[in-house]
Protein backbone atom coordinates (compact mmCIF):
# COMPACT_ATOMS: atom_id res chain seq x y z
CA MET A 1 -7.55 -23.48 3.56
CA ASP A 2 -7.60 -26.43 5.94
CA MET A 3 -5.78 -26.18 9.25
CA LYS A 4 -3.19 -28.84 8.51
CA LYS A 5 -2.06 -27.13 5.29
CA ARG A 6 -2.03 -23.75 7.02
CA ILE A 7 0.27 -25.04 9.75
CA THR A 8 2.63 -26.46 7.13
CA LEU A 9 2.79 -23.07 5.45
CA GLU A 10 3.38 -21.29 8.76
CA LEU A 11 6.40 -23.48 9.44
CA ARG A 12 8.25 -21.91 6.49
CA ASN A 13 10.82 -24.69 6.31
CA ARG A 14 11.45 -24.59 10.06
CA SER A 15 11.11 -27.56 12.36
CA PRO A 16 8.12 -27.60 14.76
CA ALA A 17 10.52 -27.45 17.71
CA GLU A 18 11.64 -23.97 16.58
CA ILE A 19 8.16 -22.44 16.62
CA VAL A 20 7.32 -20.18 19.57
CA GLU A 21 4.18 -18.50 18.17
CA LEU A 22 1.66 -20.00 15.78
CA VAL A 23 -1.42 -18.32 14.28
CA VAL A 24 -3.85 -20.31 12.13
CA ASP A 25 -6.92 -18.06 12.42
CA ASN A 26 -9.73 -18.56 9.88
CA SER A 27 -8.40 -21.85 8.56
CA ARG A 28 -10.83 -24.76 8.57
CA SER A 29 -11.03 -27.90 10.63
CA ALA A 30 -12.82 -30.57 8.61
CA ASP A 31 -14.15 -32.59 11.55
CA GLY A 32 -14.10 -29.96 14.29
CA GLU A 33 -10.87 -31.32 15.75
CA VAL A 34 -7.38 -29.88 16.02
CA GLU A 35 -5.37 -30.94 12.96
CA GLY A 36 -1.72 -30.64 12.00
CA LEU A 37 -0.40 -29.97 15.51
CA THR A 38 1.87 -32.60 17.05
CA ASP A 39 3.90 -33.14 20.20
CA ASP A 40 6.91 -31.84 18.27
CA PHE A 41 5.87 -28.22 18.98
CA THR A 42 7.73 -28.35 22.26
CA ALA A 43 8.72 -24.65 22.33
CA LEU A 44 5.27 -23.25 21.47
CA GLU A 45 4.19 -20.47 23.87
CA PHE A 46 1.41 -18.73 21.94
CA LEU A 47 -1.26 -20.47 19.84
CA SER A 48 -4.16 -18.77 18.08
CA MET A 49 -6.96 -20.81 16.51
CA VAL A 50 -9.69 -18.20 16.08
CA ASN A 51 -12.71 -19.10 13.94
CA VAL A 52 -11.47 -22.45 12.69
CA GLY A 53 -14.64 -24.46 13.37
CA LEU A 54 -13.43 -26.32 16.47
CA SER A 55 -16.02 -28.27 18.42
CA SER A 56 -13.57 -30.37 20.43
CA LEU A 57 -10.10 -30.10 21.98
CA ALA A 58 -9.65 -33.84 22.39
CA LYS A 59 -6.84 -34.00 19.79
CA ILE A 60 -4.77 -31.09 20.96
CA PRO A 61 -1.19 -32.36 21.49
CA SER A 62 0.96 -31.92 24.56
CA LEU A 63 2.22 -28.33 24.63
CA PRO A 64 4.11 -27.99 27.93
CA LYS A 65 5.35 -24.42 27.32
CA LEU A 66 2.09 -22.98 26.01
CA ARG A 67 1.11 -19.85 27.97
CA LYS A 68 -1.49 -18.13 25.78
CA LEU A 69 -4.28 -19.87 23.89
CA GLU A 70 -6.78 -18.06 21.65
CA LEU A 71 -9.90 -20.13 20.86
CA SER A 72 -12.53 -17.45 20.27
CA ASP A 73 -15.37 -17.76 17.73
CA ASN A 74 -15.49 -21.55 17.60
CA ASN A 75 -18.16 -24.12 18.54
CA LEU A 76 -16.71 -25.38 21.81
CA SER A 77 -19.18 -26.44 24.46
CA GLY A 78 -16.98 -28.72 26.55
CA SER A 79 -13.88 -30.97 26.49
CA LEU A 80 -11.95 -28.34 28.47
CA GLU A 81 -10.49 -31.00 30.75
CA THR A 82 -7.95 -31.76 27.99
CA LEU A 83 -6.34 -28.37 28.53
CA ALA A 84 -5.23 -29.11 32.07
CA GLU A 85 -3.60 -32.32 30.89
CA LYS A 86 -1.98 -31.12 27.66
CA CYS A 87 -1.36 -27.40 28.41
CA PRO A 88 -0.71 -27.25 32.17
CA ASN A 89 1.12 -23.90 32.12
CA LEU A 90 -1.59 -21.78 30.51
CA THR A 91 -1.85 -18.28 31.96
CA TYR A 92 -4.30 -16.81 29.41
CA LEU A 93 -7.30 -18.52 27.79
CA ASN A 94 -9.77 -16.88 25.42
CA LEU A 95 -13.01 -18.78 24.89
CA SER A 96 -15.09 -15.83 23.70
CA GLY A 97 -17.85 -16.53 21.18
CA ASN A 98 -18.15 -20.24 21.97
CA LYS A 99 -21.13 -22.32 23.15
CA ILE A 100 -20.31 -22.49 26.83
CA LYS A 101 -23.59 -22.31 28.75
CA GLU A 102 -23.11 -23.86 32.18
CA LEU A 103 -20.86 -22.98 35.07
CA SER A 104 -20.11 -26.67 35.51
CA THR A 105 -18.32 -26.68 32.13
CA LEU A 106 -15.63 -24.46 33.63
CA GLU A 107 -14.89 -26.85 36.51
CA ALA A 108 -12.38 -28.57 34.21
CA LEU A 109 -10.25 -25.41 34.37
CA GLN A 110 -9.66 -25.71 38.12
CA ASN A 111 -6.56 -27.79 37.44
CA LEU A 112 -4.98 -24.98 35.42
CA LYS A 113 -3.17 -23.63 38.47
CA ASN A 114 -1.35 -20.86 36.55
CA LEU A 115 -4.42 -19.50 34.77
CA GLN A 116 -4.64 -15.76 35.42
CA SER A 117 -6.90 -14.42 32.66
CA LEU A 118 -10.07 -15.98 31.21
CA ASP A 119 -12.31 -14.46 28.52
CA LEU A 120 -15.87 -15.66 27.96
CA PHE A 121 -17.36 -12.76 25.99
CA ASN A 122 -20.43 -13.63 23.91
CA CYS A 123 -20.87 -17.01 25.58
CA GLU A 124 -24.30 -17.84 26.99
CA ILE A 125 -22.78 -18.37 30.42
CA THR A 126 -22.32 -14.61 30.79
CA SER A 127 -26.10 -14.17 31.05
CA LEU A 128 -26.26 -16.22 34.27
CA GLU A 129 -27.15 -14.40 37.45
CA GLU A 130 -24.05 -13.43 39.44
CA TYR A 131 -21.95 -14.79 36.60
CA ARG A 132 -18.75 -12.97 37.53
CA GLU A 133 -18.93 -13.72 41.24
CA SER A 134 -19.57 -17.39 40.52
CA VAL A 135 -16.63 -17.75 38.12
CA PHE A 136 -14.20 -16.03 40.51
CA GLU A 137 -15.38 -18.33 43.29
CA LEU A 138 -15.06 -21.45 41.12
CA LEU A 139 -11.64 -20.45 39.75
CA PRO A 140 -9.82 -18.59 42.54
CA GLN A 141 -6.54 -18.61 40.58
CA VAL A 142 -8.10 -16.37 37.92
CA THR A 143 -7.35 -12.66 38.39
CA TYR A 144 -9.03 -11.24 35.30
CA LEU A 145 -12.38 -12.31 33.84
CA ASP A 146 -13.37 -10.73 30.54
CA GLY A 147 -10.60 -8.17 30.97
CA PHE A 148 -11.42 -7.00 34.52
CA ASP A 149 -10.64 -8.18 38.04
CA GLN A 150 -13.15 -8.52 40.89
CA GLU A 151 -12.87 -4.78 41.68
CA ASP A 152 -13.51 -3.91 38.02
CA ASN A 153 -9.91 -2.87 37.42
CA GLU A 154 -8.93 -3.39 33.81
CA ALA A 155 -6.28 -5.94 32.97
CA PRO A 156 -2.94 -4.51 31.78
CA ASP A 157 -2.12 -4.75 28.10
CA SER A 158 -0.29 -8.05 27.69
CA ASP A 159 1.48 -6.84 24.52
CA ALA A 160 2.80 -3.76 26.34
CA ASN A 161 4.04 -5.95 29.18
CA ASP A 162 5.89 -8.19 26.74
CA GLU A 163 7.56 -5.16 25.17
CA ASP A 164 8.59 -3.88 28.61
CA GLU A 165 10.14 -7.23 29.43
CA ASP A 166 12.04 -7.22 26.15
CA GLY A 167 13.26 -3.68 26.75
CA GLU A 168 11.76 -2.48 23.49
CA ASP A 169 9.84 0.41 25.06
CA GLY A 170 12.97 1.84 26.58
CA ALA A 171 14.97 1.52 23.38
CA GLY A 172 12.34 3.11 21.15
CA PRO A 173 12.19 6.61 22.66
CA THR A 174 15.95 6.73 23.05
CA GLY A 175 16.37 6.18 19.33
CA ASP A 176 13.73 8.81 18.57
CA TYR A 177 15.45 11.36 20.74
CA GLY A 178 18.71 10.66 18.95
CA GLU A 179 17.09 11.29 15.59
CA ASP A 180 15.57 14.56 16.85
CA ASP A 181 18.95 15.68 18.11
CA ASP A 182 20.52 14.90 14.75
CA GLU A 183 17.80 16.87 12.98
CA GLU A 184 18.31 19.82 15.32
CA GLU A 185 22.05 19.69 14.76
CA GLU A 186 21.50 19.62 11.00
CA GLU A 187 19.13 22.58 11.25
CA ASP A 188 21.60 24.48 13.41
CA GLY A 189 24.36 23.62 10.99
CA SER A 190 22.38 24.80 8.01
CA GLU A 191 21.47 28.04 9.78
CA GLY A 192 25.07 28.56 10.71
CA GLY A 193 26.05 27.96 7.11
CA GLU A 194 23.55 30.56 5.92
CA VAL A 195 24.78 33.10 8.46
CA GLY A 196 28.39 32.45 7.49
CA LEU A 197 27.58 32.84 3.81
CA SER A 198 25.70 36.10 4.41
CA PHE A 199 28.59 37.41 6.45
CA GLN A 200 31.05 36.52 3.71
CA VAL A 201 28.88 38.21 1.06
CA ASN A 202 28.47 41.32 3.19
CA GLN A 203 32.16 41.36 3.98
CA GLY A 204 32.96 41.01 0.27
CA ASN A 205 30.59 43.85 -0.58
CA GLN A 206 32.19 46.02 2.08
CA GLU A 207 35.64 45.28 0.70
CA ASP A 208 34.46 46.12 -2.83
CA TYR A 209 32.99 49.37 -1.54
CA GLU A 210 36.24 50.26 0.21
CA ASP A 211 38.19 49.44 -2.95
CA GLU A 212 35.92 51.72 -4.96
CA GLU A 213 36.51 54.53 -2.44
CA ASP A 214 40.27 54.01 -2.73
CA TYR A 215 40.04 54.16 -6.51
CA ALA A 216 37.93 57.32 -6.29
CA ASP A 217 40.49 58.95 -3.97
CA GLU A 218 43.29 58.02 -6.35
CA ASP A 219 41.33 59.45 -9.29
CA GLU A 220 40.74 62.68 -7.41
CA GLU A 221 44.42 62.91 -6.50
CA GLN A 222 45.42 62.28 -10.11
CA ALA A 223 42.88 64.84 -11.35
CA GLY A 224 44.20 67.42 -8.87
CA ALA A 225 47.78 66.79 -9.89
CA GLN A 226 46.87 67.11 -13.56
CA GLY A 227 45.03 70.37 -12.84
CA GLN A 228 48.02 71.83 -11.04
CA LYS A 229 50.29 70.76 -13.91
CA ARG A 230 48.02 72.42 -16.47
CA LYS A 231 47.98 75.56 -14.32
CA ARG A 232 51.79 75.60 -14.17
CA ASP A 233 51.96 75.09 -17.93
CA VAL A 234 49.66 78.03 -18.53
CA GLU A 235 51.70 80.24 -16.22
CA ASP A 236 54.91 79.20 -17.98
CA GLU A 237 53.38 80.06 -21.35
CA GLY A 238 52.38 83.46 -20.03
CA GLU A 239 55.89 84.16 -18.90
CA ASP A 240 57.26 83.16 -22.30
CA ASP A 241 54.82 85.55 -24.03
CA ASP A 242 55.98 88.39 -21.79
CA ASP A 243 59.63 87.68 -22.65
CA ASP A 244 58.81 87.74 -26.35
CA ASP A 245 57.09 91.15 -26.05
CA GLU A 246 60.09 92.61 -24.27
CA ASP A 247 62.43 91.32 -26.98
CA ASN A 248 60.28 92.94 -29.62
């Protein structure tokens, strides 16, 4: 897909002025120039054009709010002076995998006063003797080169920093803890329900057992009373027999 068509699709019926981030990686530039971008992208802060066949930046429009620019895996060997004019507020620039060979090519970046991070991985310039020292000397505003500062301290994760600024990191764990608490409460509740049910069953069994004992006692009492009655009846019959004998 060509770059111009890809940008149209990425707009998704929005106006260019509404776009803050734009990714057109792996689209194709027919003549090696930037296509489809205009000065109307006034709010654009992040632009990624990885592996699109760029050999020149001459046609990049004015992007005054652009802070991060991804241009890795293209065919750029120069024309970097355009960036200082059209994207003066860049803080991050990735030129990895391009055809930058000479230190002099980077002189055009001296006017990017806010540039803090520069990546030149897999560019021929990295094979120069004292490459890192020379770049830091040429571009004193740059803090991180190829992901590390002059003391070899690794650059912080830019995505993590953005999340911290947005407060997303703080909100995430809080929500997780809330879910865990709810789960624990549900588990406690279910355990409590099981205990309560067992208690009720045991209590019911105990009551049934006590009722059975009461019935047994009543049966014994009734049996005893019936036995005594039968005994009295037998004695009465005996007395009647004796009276009959005397009469005879």
